[in-house]
Structure formats: C-alpha cells, structure tokens
Amino acid sequence: MRATVPDHSELLFVYGTLKRGHANHAQLAEARFLGAACTAPGYALYRAGPYPVLAVGGAARVTGELYAVPGASFRHLDEFEGCPWLYERGRVQLADGRWVAAYLVPEARQAECDERLGESWP
C-alpha cells in the first residue's frame, strides 16, 4: 500500500544526515515521514568527509527514508544542501518503480569522495 501524498507536496528520498535521528533531520520539520524506502539498483553511496553522497551509477540499492515535502520547503532545502554546487536535486527510481526527488552529488564532485559505502549510511 502506498502512502497518500498531500496536495502540493513532492516525494523526497533521503539517505544520510536528513534521516530521523541524525544531525540535520530538523531541516525536514515541514515534511511528513512516509516510511522506509529503497532505490532500485543503479546507484552508489559514497563518503564525502563526514557525510554520505548519492550518485547515479553503480549497482547498489540504497536504503533511506521517504518524505512528502511541501513544494515551498524545497527552496529552503536546496539552500541548506548547497544546490547546485554541493548537491543537485535530481530524481531517483525507488524499488517500487516510482521516481522521486533526491539530493545527488554532481558528477564533477564524485572524484572528491573518499570511499564507496555500500547500501546504507551510517
């Protein structure tokens, strides 16, 4: 069963410090938690200093959480995430086939990543 998404909201997949219980979760104060989620295969999770970054490419199914984010909140989240320099807001495919928003590392920054992490963080 899929969760209902409130009007004027967009689905956001988070995989790192925005998740519940982590340092930056308060940035999602306006969002509604919908549950655990997993990407389809085709992604890679890297360490970039003290936090993870998600990249398109690879074979991993990255685990995280799904939120319904009011459209107006994305301006704040984009600024917080350093879009478009540190992250780009793009789309990822979930294991159930839906395409949702996610913060991805720009291809030019992938060379700065310390190590490949696998399918989850921490």
PDB file of N, CA and C in Angstrom:
ATOM      1  N   MET A   1       0.833  -1.178   0.000  1.00  0.00           N
ATOM      2  CA  MET A   1       0.000   0.000   0.000  1.00  0.00           C
ATOM      3  C   MET A   1       0.883   1.249   0.000  1.00  0.00           C
ATOM      4  N   ARG A   2       0.576   2.166  -0.869  1.00  0.00           N
ATOM      5  CA  ARG A   2       1.337   3.406  -0.962  1.00  0.00           C
ATOM      6  C   ARG A   2       0.711   4.480  -0.092  1.00  0.00           C
ATOM      7  N   ALA A   3       1.559   5.280   0.547  1.00  0.00           N
ATOM      8  CA  ALA A   3       1.081   6.378   1.382  1.00  0.00           C
ATOM      9  C   ALA A   3       0.528   7.488   0.505  1.00  0.00           C
ATOM     10  N   THR A   4      -0.481   8.164   0.996  1.00  0.00           N
ATOM     11  CA  THR A   4      -1.065   9.289   0.290  1.00  0.00           C
ATOM     12  C   THR A   4      -0.149  10.503   0.422  1.00  0.00           C
ATOM     13  N   VAL A   5       0.064  11.174  -0.687  1.00  0.00           N
ATOM     14  CA  VAL A   5       0.901  12.374  -0.693  1.00  0.00           C
ATOM     15  C   VAL A   5      -0.014  13.586  -0.645  1.00  0.00           C
ATOM     16  N   PRO A   6       0.189  14.471   0.345  1.00  0.00           N
ATOM     17  CA  PRO A   6      -0.641  15.679   0.426  1.00  0.00           C
ATOM     18  C   PRO A   6      -0.507  16.531  -0.836  1.00  0.00           C
ATOM     19  N   ASP A   7      -1.578  17.284  -1.150  1.00  0.00           N
ATOM     20  CA  ASP A   7      -1.531  18.197  -2.298  1.00  0.00           C
ATOM     21  C   ASP A   7      -0.349  19.146  -2.172  1.00  0.00           C
ATOM     22  N   HIS A   8       0.224  19.506  -3.303  1.00  0.00           N
ATOM     23  CA  HIS A   8       1.329  20.464  -3.383  1.00  0.00           C
ATOM     24  C   HIS A   8       2.591  19.965  -2.685  1.00  0.00           C
ATOM     25  N   SER A   9       2.721  18.663  -2.539  1.00  0.00           N
ATOM     26  CA  SER A   9       3.924  18.080  -1.953  1.00  0.00           C
ATOM     27  C   SER A   9       4.621  17.237  -3.003  1.00  0.00           C
ATOM     28  N   GLU A  10       5.904  17.047  -2.778  1.00  0.00           N
ATOM     29  CA  GLU A  10       6.701  16.196  -3.655  1.00  0.00           C
ATOM     30  C   GLU A  10       7.404  15.167  -2.778  1.00  0.00           C
ATOM     31  N   LEU A  11       7.577  13.980  -3.313  1.00  0.00           N
ATOM     32  CA  LEU A  11       8.263  12.933  -2.567  1.00  0.00           C
ATOM     33  C   LEU A  11       9.767  13.162  -2.617  1.00  0.00           C
ATOM     34  N   LEU A  12      10.419  13.004  -1.460  1.00  0.00           N
ATOM     35  CA  LEU A  12      11.864  13.169  -1.338  1.00  0.00           C
ATOM     36  C   LEU A  12      12.446  11.939  -0.659  1.00  0.00           C
ATOM     37  N   PHE A  13      13.444  11.339  -1.294  1.00  0.00           N
ATOM     38  CA  PHE A  13      14.189  10.223  -0.729  1.00  0.00           C
ATOM     39  C   PHE A  13      15.421  10.788  -0.043  1.00  0.00           C
ATOM     40  N   VAL A  14      15.610  10.442   1.250  1.00  0.00           N
ATOM     41  CA  VAL A  14      16.801  10.883   1.982  1.00  0.00           C
ATOM     42  C   VAL A  14      17.560   9.648   2.457  1.00  0.00           C
ATOM     43  N   TYR A  15      18.876   9.761   2.548  1.00  0.00           N
ATOM     44  CA  TYR A  15      19.726   8.595   2.795  1.00  0.00           C
ATOM     45  C   TYR A  15      20.845   8.868   3.795  1.00  0.00           C
ATOM     46  N   GLY A  16      20.920  10.096   4.319  1.00  0.00           N
ATOM     47  CA  GLY A  16      22.046  10.449   5.179  1.00  0.00           C
ATOM     48  C   GLY A  16      21.626  11.267   6.378  1.00  0.00           C
ATOM     49  N   THR A  17      22.217  12.448   6.517  1.00  0.00           N
ATOM     50  CA  THR A  17      22.030  13.256   7.719  1.00  0.00           C
ATOM     51  C   THR A  17      20.630  13.854   7.853  1.00  0.00           C
ATOM     52  N   LEU A  18      19.804  13.763   6.819  1.00  0.00           N
ATOM     53  CA  LEU A  18      18.416  14.223   6.920  1.00  0.00           C
ATOM     54  C   LEU A  18      17.495  13.159   7.518  1.00  0.00           C
ATOM     55  N   LYS A  19      17.975  11.921   7.630  1.00  0.00           N
ATOM     56  CA  LYS A  19      17.146  10.849   8.177  1.00  0.00           C
ATOM     57  C   LYS A  19      16.829  11.107   9.656  1.00  0.00           C
ATOM     58  N   ARG A  20      15.748  10.476  10.118  1.00  0.00           N
ATOM     59  CA  ARG A  20      15.359  10.576  11.534  1.00  0.00           C
ATOM     60  C   ARG A  20      16.526  10.154  12.416  1.00  0.00           C
ATOM     61  N   GLY A  21      16.732  10.917  13.497  1.00  0.00           N
ATOM     62  CA  GLY A  21      17.779  10.598  14.444  1.00  0.00           C
ATOM     63  C   GLY A  21      19.157  11.102  14.073  1.00  0.00           C
ATOM     64  N   HIS A  22      19.288  11.802  12.961  1.00  0.00           N
ATOM     65  CA  HIS A  22      20.589  12.299  12.518  1.00  0.00           C
ATOM     66  C   HIS A  22      20.641  13.827  12.590  1.00  0.00           C
ATOM     67  N   ALA A  23      21.837  14.350  12.447  1.00  0.00           N
ATOM     68  CA  ALA A  23      22.148  15.754  12.732  1.00  0.00           C
ATOM     69  C   ALA A  23      21.265  16.773  12.016  1.00  0.00           C
ATOM     70  N   ASN A  24      20.862  16.521  10.794  1.00  0.00           N
ATOM     71  CA  ASN A  24      20.151  17.537  10.023  1.00  0.00           C
ATOM     72  C   ASN A  24      18.671  17.232   9.811  1.00  0.00           C
ATOM     73  N   HIS A  25      18.148  16.279  10.564  1.00  0.00           N
ATOM     74  CA  HIS A  25      16.736  15.901  10.394  1.00  0.00           C
ATOM     75  C   HIS A  25      15.777  17.072  10.623  1.00  0.00           C
ATOM     76  N   ALA A  26      16.139  18.004  11.484  1.00  0.00           N
ATOM     77  CA  ALA A  26      15.267  19.153  11.764  1.00  0.00           C
ATOM     78  C   ALA A  26      14.955  19.966  10.505  1.00  0.00           C
ATOM     79  N   GLN A  27      15.779  19.843   9.472  1.00  0.00           N
ATOM     80  CA  GLN A  27      15.528  20.559   8.212  1.00  0.00           C
ATOM     81  C   GLN A  27      14.253  20.060   7.537  1.00  0.00           C
ATOM     82  N   LEU A  28      13.764  18.887   7.945  1.00  0.00           N
ATOM     83  CA  LEU A  28      12.544  18.313   7.369  1.00  0.00           C
ATOM     84  C   LEU A  28      11.325  18.549   8.268  1.00  0.00           C
ATOM     85  N   ALA A  29      11.373  19.578   9.100  1.00  0.00           N
ATOM     86  CA  ALA A  29      10.285  19.847  10.049  1.00  0.00           C
ATOM     87  C   ALA A  29       8.935  20.019   9.367  1.00  0.00           C
ATOM     88  N   GLU A  30       8.909  20.535   8.155  1.00  0.00           N
ATOM     89  CA  GLU A  30       7.659  20.754   7.423  1.00  0.00           C
ATOM     90  C   GLU A  30       7.220  19.529   6.616  1.00  0.00           C
ATOM     91  N   ALA A  31       8.051  18.502   6.581  1.00  0.00           N
ATOM     92  CA  ALA A  31       7.769  17.313   5.765  1.00  0.00           C
ATOM     93  C   ALA A  31       7.058  16.250   6.593  1.00  0.00           C
ATOM     94  N   ARG A  32       6.398  15.337   5.895  1.00  0.00           N
ATOM     95  CA  ARG A  32       5.726  14.219   6.554  1.00  0.00           C
ATOM     96  C   ARG A  32       6.458  12.928   6.213  1.00  0.00           C
ATOM     97  N   PHE A  33       6.879  12.204   7.244  1.00  0.00           N
ATOM     98  CA  PHE A  33       7.552  10.922   7.071  1.00  0.00           C
ATOM     99  C   PHE A  33       6.555   9.909   6.520  1.00  0.00           C
ATOM    100  N   LEU A  34       6.953   9.221   5.434  1.00  0.00           N
ATOM    101  CA  LEU A  34       6.078   8.220   4.818  1.00  0.00           C
ATOM    102  C   LEU A  34       6.562   6.798   5.063  1.00  0.00           C
ATOM    103  N   GLY A  35       7.836   6.630   5.436  1.00  0.00           N
ATOM    104  CA  GLY A  35       8.327   5.289   5.732  1.00  0.00           C
ATOM    105  C   GLY A  35       9.704   5.039   5.170  1.00  0.00           C
ATOM    106  N   ALA A  36      10.180   3.836   5.440  1.00  0.00           N
ATOM    107  CA  ALA A  36      11.465   3.395   4.899  1.00  0.00           C
ATOM    108  C   ALA A  36      11.322   3.213   3.392  1.00  0.00           C
ATOM    109  N   ALA A  37      12.437   3.402   2.685  1.00  0.00           N
ATOM    110  CA  ALA A  37      12.419   3.267   1.225  1.00  0.00           C
ATOM    111  C   ALA A  37      13.771   2.747   0.758  1.00  0.00           C
ATOM    112  N   CYS A  38      13.785   2.253  -0.469  1.00  0.00           N
ATOM    113  CA  CYS A  38      14.995   1.710  -1.073  1.00  0.00           C
ATOM    114  C   CYS A  38      14.972   2.053  -2.557  1.00  0.00           C
ATOM    115  N   THR A  39      16.125   2.437  -3.090  1.00  0.00           N
ATOM    116  CA  THR A  39      16.184   2.721  -4.528  1.00  0.00           C
ATOM    117  C   THR A  39      16.176   1.413  -5.308  1.00  0.00           C
ATOM    118  N   ALA A  40      15.886   1.515  -6.565  1.00  0.00           N
ATOM    119  CA  ALA A  40      16.128   0.415  -7.492  1.00  0.00           C
ATOM    120  C   ALA A  40      17.641   0.283  -7.635  1.00  0.00           C
ATOM    121  N   PRO A  41      18.153  -0.820  -8.152  1.00  0.00           N
ATOM    122  CA  PRO A  41      19.601  -0.907  -8.393  1.00  0.00           C
ATOM    123  C   PRO A  41      20.032   0.185  -9.374  1.00  0.00           C
ATOM    124  N   GLY A  42      21.279   0.628  -9.247  1.00  0.00           N
ATOM    125  CA  GLY A  42      21.779   1.614 -10.197  1.00  0.00           C
ATOM    126  C   GLY A  42      22.370   2.849  -9.556  1.00  0.00           C
ATOM    127  N   TYR A  43      22.621   2.782  -8.258  1.00  0.00           N
ATOM    128  CA  TYR A  43      23.138   3.941  -7.539  1.00  0.00           C
ATOM    129  C   TYR A  43      24.372   3.545  -6.738  1.00  0.00           C
ATOM    130  N   ALA A  44      25.104   4.548  -6.275  1.00  0.00           N
ATOM    131  CA  ALA A  44      26.273   4.321  -5.429  1.00  0.00           C
ATOM    132  C   ALA A  44      26.241   5.339  -4.302  1.00  0.00           C
ATOM    133  N   LEU A  45      26.610   4.888  -3.118  1.00  0.00           N
ATOM    134  CA  LEU A  45      26.676   5.743  -1.945  1.00  0.00           C
ATOM    135  C   LEU A  45      28.144   5.891  -1.569  1.00  0.00           C
ATOM    136  N   TYR A  46      28.600   7.145  -1.444  1.00  0.00           N
ATOM    137  CA  TYR A  46      29.993   7.432  -1.137  1.00  0.00           C
ATOM    138  C   TYR A  46      30.096   8.248   0.145  1.00  0.00           C
ATOM    139  N   ARG A  47      31.263   8.221   0.757  1.00  0.00           N
ATOM    140  CA  ARG A  47      31.570   9.115   1.873  1.00  0.00           C
ATOM    141  C   ARG A  47      32.257  10.344   1.275  1.00  0.00           C
ATOM    142  N   ALA A  48      31.773  11.513   1.677  1.00  0.00           N
ATOM    143  CA  ALA A  48      32.399  12.783   1.286  1.00  0.00           C
ATOM    144  C   ALA A  48      32.677  13.526   2.581  1.00  0.00           C
ATOM    145  N   GLY A  49      33.782  13.205   3.202  1.00  0.00           N
ATOM    146  CA  GLY A  49      34.075  13.756   4.527  1.00  0.00           C
ATOM    147  C   GLY A  49      33.171  13.089   5.549  1.00  0.00           C
ATOM    148  N   PRO A  50      32.461  13.884   6.364  1.00  0.00           N
ATOM    149  CA  PRO A  50      31.647  13.316   7.435  1.00  0.00           C
ATOM    150  C   PRO A  50      30.227  12.902   7.037  1.00  0.00           C
ATOM    151  N   TYR A  51      29.885  13.023   5.767  1.00  0.00           N
ATOM    152  CA  TYR A  51      28.517  12.720   5.362  1.00  0.00           C
ATOM    153  C   TYR A  51      28.509  11.912   4.065  1.00  0.00           C
ATOM    154  N   PRO A  52      27.388  11.245   3.797  1.00  0.00           N
ATOM    155  CA  PRO A  52      27.284  10.451   2.569  1.00  0.00           C
ATOM    156  C   PRO A  52      26.760  11.282   1.406  1.00  0.00           C
ATOM    157  N   VAL A  53      27.073  10.832   0.199  1.00  0.00           N
ATOM    158  CA  VAL A  53      26.508  11.422  -1.016  1.00  0.00           C
ATOM    159  C   VAL A  53      26.040  10.289  -1.912  1.00  0.00           C
ATOM    160  N   LEU A  54      24.986  10.532  -2.644  1.00  0.00           N
ATOM    161  CA  LEU A  54      24.392   9.543  -3.533  1.00  0.00           C
ATOM    162  C   LEU A  54      24.728   9.909  -4.971  1.00  0.00           C
ATOM    163  N   ALA A  55      25.137   8.910  -5.743  1.00  0.00           N
ATOM    164  CA  ALA A  55      25.481   9.131  -7.146  1.00  0.00           C
ATOM    165  C   ALA A  55      24.703   8.155  -8.027  1.00  0.00           C
ATOM    166  N   VAL A  56      24.382   8.614  -9.212  1.00  0.00           N
ATOM    167  CA  VAL A  56      23.784   7.742 -10.216  1.00  0.00           C
ATOM    168  C   VAL A  56      24.901   6.907 -10.802  1.00  0.00           C
ATOM    169  N   GLY A  57      24.659   5.629 -10.991  1.00  0.00           N
ATOM    170  CA  GLY A  57      25.675   4.706 -11.492  1.00  0.00           C
ATOM    171  C   GLY A  57      26.051   3.740 -10.386  1.00  0.00           C
ATOM    172  N   GLY A  58      26.516   2.606 -10.735  1.00  0.00           N
ATOM    173  CA  GLY A  58      26.797   1.583  -9.743  1.00  0.00           C
ATOM    174  C   GLY A  58      25.673   0.564  -9.743  1.00  0.00           C
ATOM    175  N   ALA A  59      25.699  -0.326  -8.774  1.00  0.00           N
ATOM    176  CA  ALA A  59      24.715  -1.403  -8.739  1.00  0.00           C
ATOM    177  C   ALA A  59      23.932  -1.453  -7.436  1.00  0.00           C
ATOM    178  N   ALA A  60      24.207  -0.533  -6.524  1.00  0.00           N
ATOM    179  CA  ALA A  60      23.604  -0.603  -5.189  1.00  0.00           C
ATOM    180  C   ALA A  60      22.122  -0.234  -5.191  1.00  0.00           C
ATOM    181  N   ARG A  61      21.425  -0.841  -4.251  1.00  0.00           N
ATOM    182  CA  ARG A  61      20.065  -0.460  -3.860  1.00  0.00           C
ATOM    183  C   ARG A  61      20.255   0.282  -2.540  1.00  0.00           C
ATOM    184  N   VAL A  62      20.188   1.583  -2.563  1.00  0.00           N
ATOM    185  CA  VAL A  62      20.474   2.393  -1.377  1.00  0.00           C
ATOM    186  C   VAL A  62      19.210   2.503  -0.519  1.00  0.00           C
ATOM    187  N   THR A  63      19.370   2.293   0.781  1.00  0.00           N
ATOM    188  CA  THR A  63      18.240   2.389   1.698  1.00  0.00           C
ATOM    189  C   THR A  63      18.182   3.773   2.319  1.00  0.00           C
ATOM    190  N   GLY A  64      16.970   4.197   2.644  1.00  0.00           N
ATOM    191  CA  GLY A  64      16.773   5.502   3.249  1.00  0.00           C
ATOM    192  C   GLY A  64      15.346   5.663   3.706  1.00  0.00           C
ATOM    193  N   GLU A  65      14.870   6.899   3.655  1.00  0.00           N
ATOM    194  CA  GLU A  65      13.520   7.230   4.095  1.00  0.00           C
ATOM    195  C   GLU A  65      12.834   8.093   3.048  1.00  0.00           C
ATOM    196  N   LEU A  66      11.506   8.015   3.034  1.00  0.00           N
ATOM    197  CA  LEU A  66      10.714   8.766   2.075  1.00  0.00           C
ATOM    198  C   LEU A  66       9.852   9.781   2.820  1.00  0.00           C
ATOM    199  N   TYR A  67       9.830  11.012   2.298  1.00  0.00           N
ATOM    200  CA  TYR A  67       9.071  12.100   2.892  1.00  0.00           C
ATOM    201  C   TYR A  67       8.217  12.788   1.835  1.00  0.00           C
ATOM    202  N   ALA A  68       7.067  13.302   2.273  1.00  0.00           N
ATOM    203  CA  ALA A  68       6.256  14.205   1.460  1.00  0.00           C
ATOM    204  C   ALA A  68       6.649  15.609   1.901  1.00  0.00           C
ATOM    205  N   VAL A  69       7.239  16.361   0.990  1.00  0.00           N
ATOM    206  CA  VAL A  69       7.762  17.692   1.307  1.00  0.00           C
ATOM    207  C   VAL A  69       6.902  18.736   0.604  1.00  0.00           C
ATOM    208  N   PRO A  70       6.362  19.698   1.360  1.00  0.00           N
ATOM    209  CA  PRO A  70       5.617  20.775   0.706  1.00  0.00           C
ATOM    210  C   PRO A  70       6.519  21.477  -0.305  1.00  0.00           C
ATOM    211  N   GLY A  71       5.975  21.781  -1.466  1.00  0.00           N
ATOM    212  CA  GLY A  71       6.759  22.397  -2.528  1.00  0.00           C
ATOM    213  C   GLY A  71       7.524  23.629  -2.089  1.00  0.00           C
ATOM    214  N   ALA A  72       6.912  24.456  -1.236  1.00  0.00           N
ATOM    215  CA  ALA A  72       7.567  25.680  -0.773  1.00  0.00           C
ATOM    216  C   ALA A  72       8.799  25.385   0.086  1.00  0.00           C
ATOM    217  N   SER A  73       8.872  24.218   0.688  1.00  0.00           N
ATOM    218  CA  SER A  73      10.018  23.869   1.546  1.00  0.00           C
ATOM    219  C   SER A  73      11.276  23.546   0.744  1.00  0.00           C
ATOM    220  N   PHE A  74      11.131  23.255  -0.537  1.00  0.00           N
ATOM    221  CA  PHE A  74      12.310  22.882  -1.316  1.00  0.00           C
ATOM    222  C   PHE A  74      13.287  24.037  -1.493  1.00  0.00           C
ATOM    223  N   ARG A  75      12.823  25.250  -1.503  1.00  0.00           N
ATOM    224  CA  ARG A  75      13.744  26.393  -1.609  1.00  0.00           C
ATOM    225  C   ARG A  75      14.706  26.375  -0.415  1.00  0.00           C
ATOM    226  N   HIS A  76      14.152  26.189   0.782  1.00  0.00           N
ATOM    227  CA  HIS A  76      14.983  26.106   1.989  1.00  0.00           C
ATOM    228  C   HIS A  76      15.916  24.896   1.922  1.00  0.00           C
ATOM    229  N   LEU A  77      15.399  23.729   1.556  1.00  0.00           N
ATOM    230  CA  LEU A  77      16.233  22.520   1.492  1.00  0.00           C
ATOM    231  C   LEU A  77      17.339  22.655   0.453  1.00  0.00           C
ATOM    232  N   ASP A  78      17.022  23.215  -0.710  1.00  0.00           N
ATOM    233  CA  ASP A  78      18.044  23.415  -1.743  1.00  0.00           C
ATOM    234  C   ASP A  78      19.171  24.303  -1.220  1.00  0.00           C
ATOM    235  N   GLU A  79      18.803  25.367  -0.526  1.00  0.00           N
ATOM    236  CA  GLU A  79      19.816  26.256   0.032  1.00  0.00           C
ATOM    237  C   GLU A  79      20.644  25.526   1.093  1.00  0.00           C
ATOM    238  N   PHE A  80      19.977  24.809   1.974  1.00  0.00           N
ATOM    239  CA  PHE A  80      20.670  24.065   3.021  1.00  0.00           C
ATOM    240  C   PHE A  80      21.638  23.038   2.426  1.00  0.00           C
ATOM    241  N   GLU A  81      21.224  22.350   1.369  1.00  0.00           N
ATOM    242  CA  GLU A  81      22.046  21.313   0.742  1.00  0.00           C
ATOM    243  C   GLU A  81      23.095  21.873  -0.226  1.00  0.00           C
ATOM    244  N   GLY A  82      23.137  23.177  -0.394  1.00  0.00           N
ATOM    245  CA  GLY A  82      24.150  23.781  -1.255  1.00  0.00           C
ATOM    246  C   GLY A  82      23.927  23.533  -2.729  1.00  0.00           C
ATOM    247  N   CYS A  83      22.669  23.511  -3.150  1.00  0.00           N
ATOM    248  CA  CYS A  83      22.358  23.309  -4.574  1.00  0.00           C
ATOM    249  C   CYS A  83      22.677  24.585  -5.341  1.00  0.00           C
ATOM    250  N   PRO A  84      23.254  24.475  -6.474  1.00  0.00           N
ATOM    251  CA  PRO A  84      23.644  23.265  -7.202  1.00  0.00           C
ATOM    252  C   PRO A  84      25.131  22.918  -7.083  1.00  0.00           C
ATOM    253  N   TRP A  85      25.829  23.472  -6.092  1.00  0.00           N
ATOM    254  CA  TRP A  85      27.274  23.263  -6.010  1.00  0.00           C
ATOM    255  C   TRP A  85      27.644  21.979  -5.275  1.00  0.00           C
ATOM    256  N   LEU A  86      27.136  21.804  -4.046  1.00  0.00           N
ATOM    257  CA  LEU A  86      27.455  20.599  -3.285  1.00  0.00           C
ATOM    258  C   LEU A  86      26.590  19.418  -3.697  1.00  0.00           C
ATOM    259  N   TYR A  87      25.335  19.700  -3.950  1.00  0.00           N
ATOM    260  CA  TYR A  87      24.371  18.685  -4.385  1.00  0.00           C
ATOM    261  C   TYR A  87      23.555  19.243  -5.522  1.00  0.00           C
ATOM    262  N   GLU A  88      22.953  18.331  -6.271  1.00  0.00           N
ATOM    263  CA  GLU A  88      21.948  18.681  -7.264  1.00  0.00           C
ATOM    264  C   GLU A  88      20.673  17.950  -6.861  1.00  0.00           C
ATOM    265  N   ARG A  89      19.554  18.641  -6.935  1.00  0.00           N
ATOM    266  CA  ARG A  89      18.295  17.935  -6.700  1.00  0.00           C
ATOM    267  C   ARG A  89      17.915  17.256  -8.001  1.00  0.00           C
ATOM    268  N   GLY A  90      17.913  15.941  -7.970  1.00  0.00           N
ATOM    269  CA  GLY A  90      17.578  15.152  -9.146  1.00  0.00           C
ATOM    270  C   GLY A  90      16.491  14.153  -8.825  1.00  0.00           C
ATOM    271  N   ARG A  91      16.403  13.107  -9.625  1.00  0.00           N
ATOM    272  CA  ARG A  91      15.382  12.085  -9.451  1.00  0.00           C
ATOM    273  C   ARG A  91      16.065  10.731  -9.333  1.00  0.00           C
ATOM    274  N   VAL A  92      15.523   9.898  -8.455  1.00  0.00           N
ATOM    275  CA  VAL A  92      15.975   8.515  -8.331  1.00  0.00           C
ATOM    276  C   VAL A  92      14.763   7.611  -8.450  1.00  0.00           C
ATOM    277  N   GLN A  93      15.017   6.407  -8.922  1.00  0.00           N
ATOM    278  CA  GLN A  93      13.935   5.433  -9.016  1.00  0.00           C
ATOM    279  C   GLN A  93      13.948   4.556  -7.772  1.00  0.00           C
ATOM    280  N   LEU A  94      12.793   4.429  -7.145  1.00  0.00           N
ATOM    281  CA  LEU A  94      12.665   3.551  -5.992  1.00  0.00           C
ATOM    282  C   LEU A  94      12.440   2.112  -6.445  1.00  0.00           C
ATOM    283  N   ALA A  95      12.623   1.191  -5.525  1.00  0.00           N
ATOM    284  CA  ALA A  95      12.448  -0.233  -5.828  1.00  0.00           C
ATOM    285  C   ALA A  95      11.036  -0.533  -6.325  1.00  0.00           C
ATOM    286  N   ASP A  96      10.042   0.270  -5.914  1.00  0.00           N
ATOM    287  CA  ASP A  96       8.661   0.036  -6.360  1.00  0.00           C
ATOM    288  C   ASP A  96       8.359   0.689  -7.711  1.00  0.00           C
ATOM    289  N   GLY A  97       9.364   1.303  -8.341  1.00  0.00           N
ATOM    290  CA  GLY A  97       9.199   1.877  -9.672  1.00  0.00           C
ATOM    291  C   GLY A  97       8.935   3.380  -9.701  1.00  0.00           C
ATOM    292  N   ARG A  98       8.574   3.977  -8.574  1.00  0.00           N
ATOM    293  CA  ARG A  98       8.315   5.416  -8.565  1.00  0.00           C
ATOM    294  C   ARG A  98       9.615   6.199  -8.706  1.00  0.00           C
ATOM    295  N   TRP A  99       9.522   7.350  -9.363  1.00  0.00           N
ATOM    296  CA  TRP A  99      10.628   8.297  -9.459  1.00  0.00           C
ATOM    297  C   TRP A  99      10.355   9.420  -8.480  1.00  0.00           C
ATOM    298  N   VAL A 100      11.337   9.721  -7.632  1.00  0.00           N
ATOM    299  CA  VAL A 100      11.172  10.734  -6.590  1.00  0.00           C
ATOM    300  C   VAL A 100      12.403  11.624  -6.552  1.00  0.00           C
ATOM    301  N   ALA A 101      12.276  12.760  -5.882  1.00  0.00           N
ATOM    302  CA  ALA A 101      13.396  13.684  -5.737  1.00  0.00           C
ATOM    303  C   ALA A 101      14.429  13.122  -4.757  1.00  0.00           C
ATOM    304  N   ALA A 102      15.682  13.501  -4.958  1.00  0.00           N
ATOM    305  CA  ALA A 102      16.774  13.153  -4.038  1.00  0.00           C
ATOM    306  C   ALA A 102      17.910  14.131  -4.287  1.00  0.00           C
ATOM    307  N   TYR A 103      18.731  14.321  -3.272  1.00  0.00           N
ATOM    308  CA  TYR A 103      19.918  15.161  -3.427  1.00  0.00           C
ATOM    309  C   TYR A 103      21.081  14.269  -3.847  1.00  0.00           C
ATOM    310  N   LEU A 104      21.615  14.559  -5.035  1.00  0.00           N
ATOM    311  CA  LEU A 104      22.669  13.757  -5.659  1.00  0.00           C
ATOM    312  C   LEU A 104      23.962  14.556  -5.724  1.00  0.00           C
ATOM    313  N   VAL A 105      25.076  13.855  -5.660  1.00  0.00           N
ATOM    314  CA  VAL A 105      26.365  14.516  -5.806  1.00  0.00           C
ATOM    315  C   VAL A 105      26.563  14.842  -7.298  1.00  0.00           C
ATOM    316  N   PRO A 106      26.960  16.062  -7.628  1.00  0.00           N
ATOM    317  CA  PRO A 106      27.248  16.372  -9.030  1.00  0.00           C
ATOM    318  C   PRO A 106      28.407  15.503  -9.535  1.00  0.00           C
ATOM    319  N   GLU A 107      28.348  15.111 -10.772  1.00  0.00           N
ATOM    320  CA  GLU A 107      29.382  14.237 -11.343  1.00  0.00           C
ATOM    321  C   GLU A 107      30.781  14.801 -11.133  1.00  0.00           C
ATOM    322  N   ALA A 108      30.938  16.114 -11.253  1.00  0.00           N
ATOM    323  CA  ALA A 108      32.257  16.736 -11.090  1.00  0.00           C
ATOM    324  C   ALA A 108      32.819  16.575  -9.678  1.00  0.00           C
ATOM    325  N   ARG A 109      31.966  16.367  -8.684  1.00  0.00           N
ATOM    326  CA  ARG A 109      32.423  16.215  -7.289  1.00  0.00           C
ATOM    327  C   ARG A 109      32.696  14.759  -6.909  1.00  0.00           C
ATOM    328  N   GLN A 110      32.319  13.802  -7.744  1.00  0.00           N
ATOM    329  CA  GLN A 110      32.493  12.390  -7.375  1.00  0.00           C
ATOM    330  C   GLN A 110      33.949  12.046  -7.110  1.00  0.00           C
ATOM    331  N   ALA A 111      34.877  12.715  -7.782  1.00  0.00           N
ATOM    332  CA  ALA A 111      36.303  12.440  -7.581  1.00  0.00           C
ATOM    333  C   ALA A 111      36.758  12.818  -6.172  1.00  0.00           C
ATOM    334  N   GLU A 112      36.019  13.699  -5.483  1.00  0.00           N
ATOM    335  CA  GLU A 112      36.359  14.118  -4.124  1.00  0.00           C
ATOM    336  C   GLU A 112      35.908  13.113  -3.067  1.00  0.00           C
ATOM    337  N   CYS A 113      35.118  12.149  -3.454  1.00  0.00           N
ATOM    338  CA  CYS A 113      34.545  11.209  -2.496  1.00  0.00           C
ATOM    339  C   CYS A 113      35.607  10.251  -1.972  1.00  0.00           C
ATOM    340  N   ASP A 114      35.578  10.021  -0.661  1.00  0.00           N
ATOM    341  CA  ASP A 114      36.596   9.207  -0.002  1.00  0.00           C
ATOM    342  C   ASP A 114      36.483   7.713  -0.294  1.00  0.00           C
ATOM    343  N   GLU A 115      35.286   7.155  -0.169  1.00  0.00           N
ATOM    344  CA  GLU A 115      35.127   5.712  -0.328  1.00  0.00           C
ATOM    345  C   GLU A 115      33.685   5.379  -0.647  1.00  0.00           C
ATOM    346  N   ARG A 116      33.503   4.247  -1.279  1.00  0.00           N
ATOM    347  CA  ARG A 116      32.164   3.732  -1.554  1.00  0.00           C
ATOM    348  C   ARG A 116      31.657   3.062  -0.286  1.00  0.00           C
ATOM    349  N   LEU A 117      30.413   3.337   0.088  1.00  0.00           N
ATOM    350  CA  LEU A 117      29.893   2.866   1.366  1.00  0.00           C
ATOM    351  C   LEU A 117      29.036   1.601   1.299  1.00  0.00           C
ATOM    352  N   GLY A 118      28.504   1.259   0.188  1.00  0.00           N
ATOM    353  CA  GLY A 118      27.582   0.119   0.142  1.00  0.00           C
ATOM    354  C   GLY A 118      26.155   0.614  -0.033  1.00  0.00           C
ATOM    355  N   GLU A 119      25.228   0.046   0.738  1.00  0.00           N
ATOM    356  CA  GLU A 119      23.822   0.344   0.521  1.00  0.00           C
ATOM    357  C   GLU A 119      23.163   1.221   1.589  1.00  0.00           C
ATOM    358  N   SER A 120      23.877   1.517   2.664  1.00  0.00           N
ATOM    359  CA  SER A 120      23.262   2.345   3.693  1.00  0.00           C
ATOM    360  C   SER A 120      24.303   3.138   4.469  1.00  0.00           C
ATOM    361  N   TRP A 121      23.827   4.191   5.141  1.00  0.00           N
ATOM    362  CA  TRP A 121      24.660   5.015   5.995  1.00  0.00           C
ATOM    363  C   TRP A 121      23.887   5.297   7.259  1.00  0.00           C
ATOM    364  N   PRO A 122      24.433   5.349   8.431  1.00  0.00           N
ATOM    365  CA  PRO A 122      25.823   5.029   8.744  1.00  0.00           C
ATOM    366  C   PRO A 122      26.046   3.536   8.764  1.00  0.00           C
TER     367      PRO A 122
END
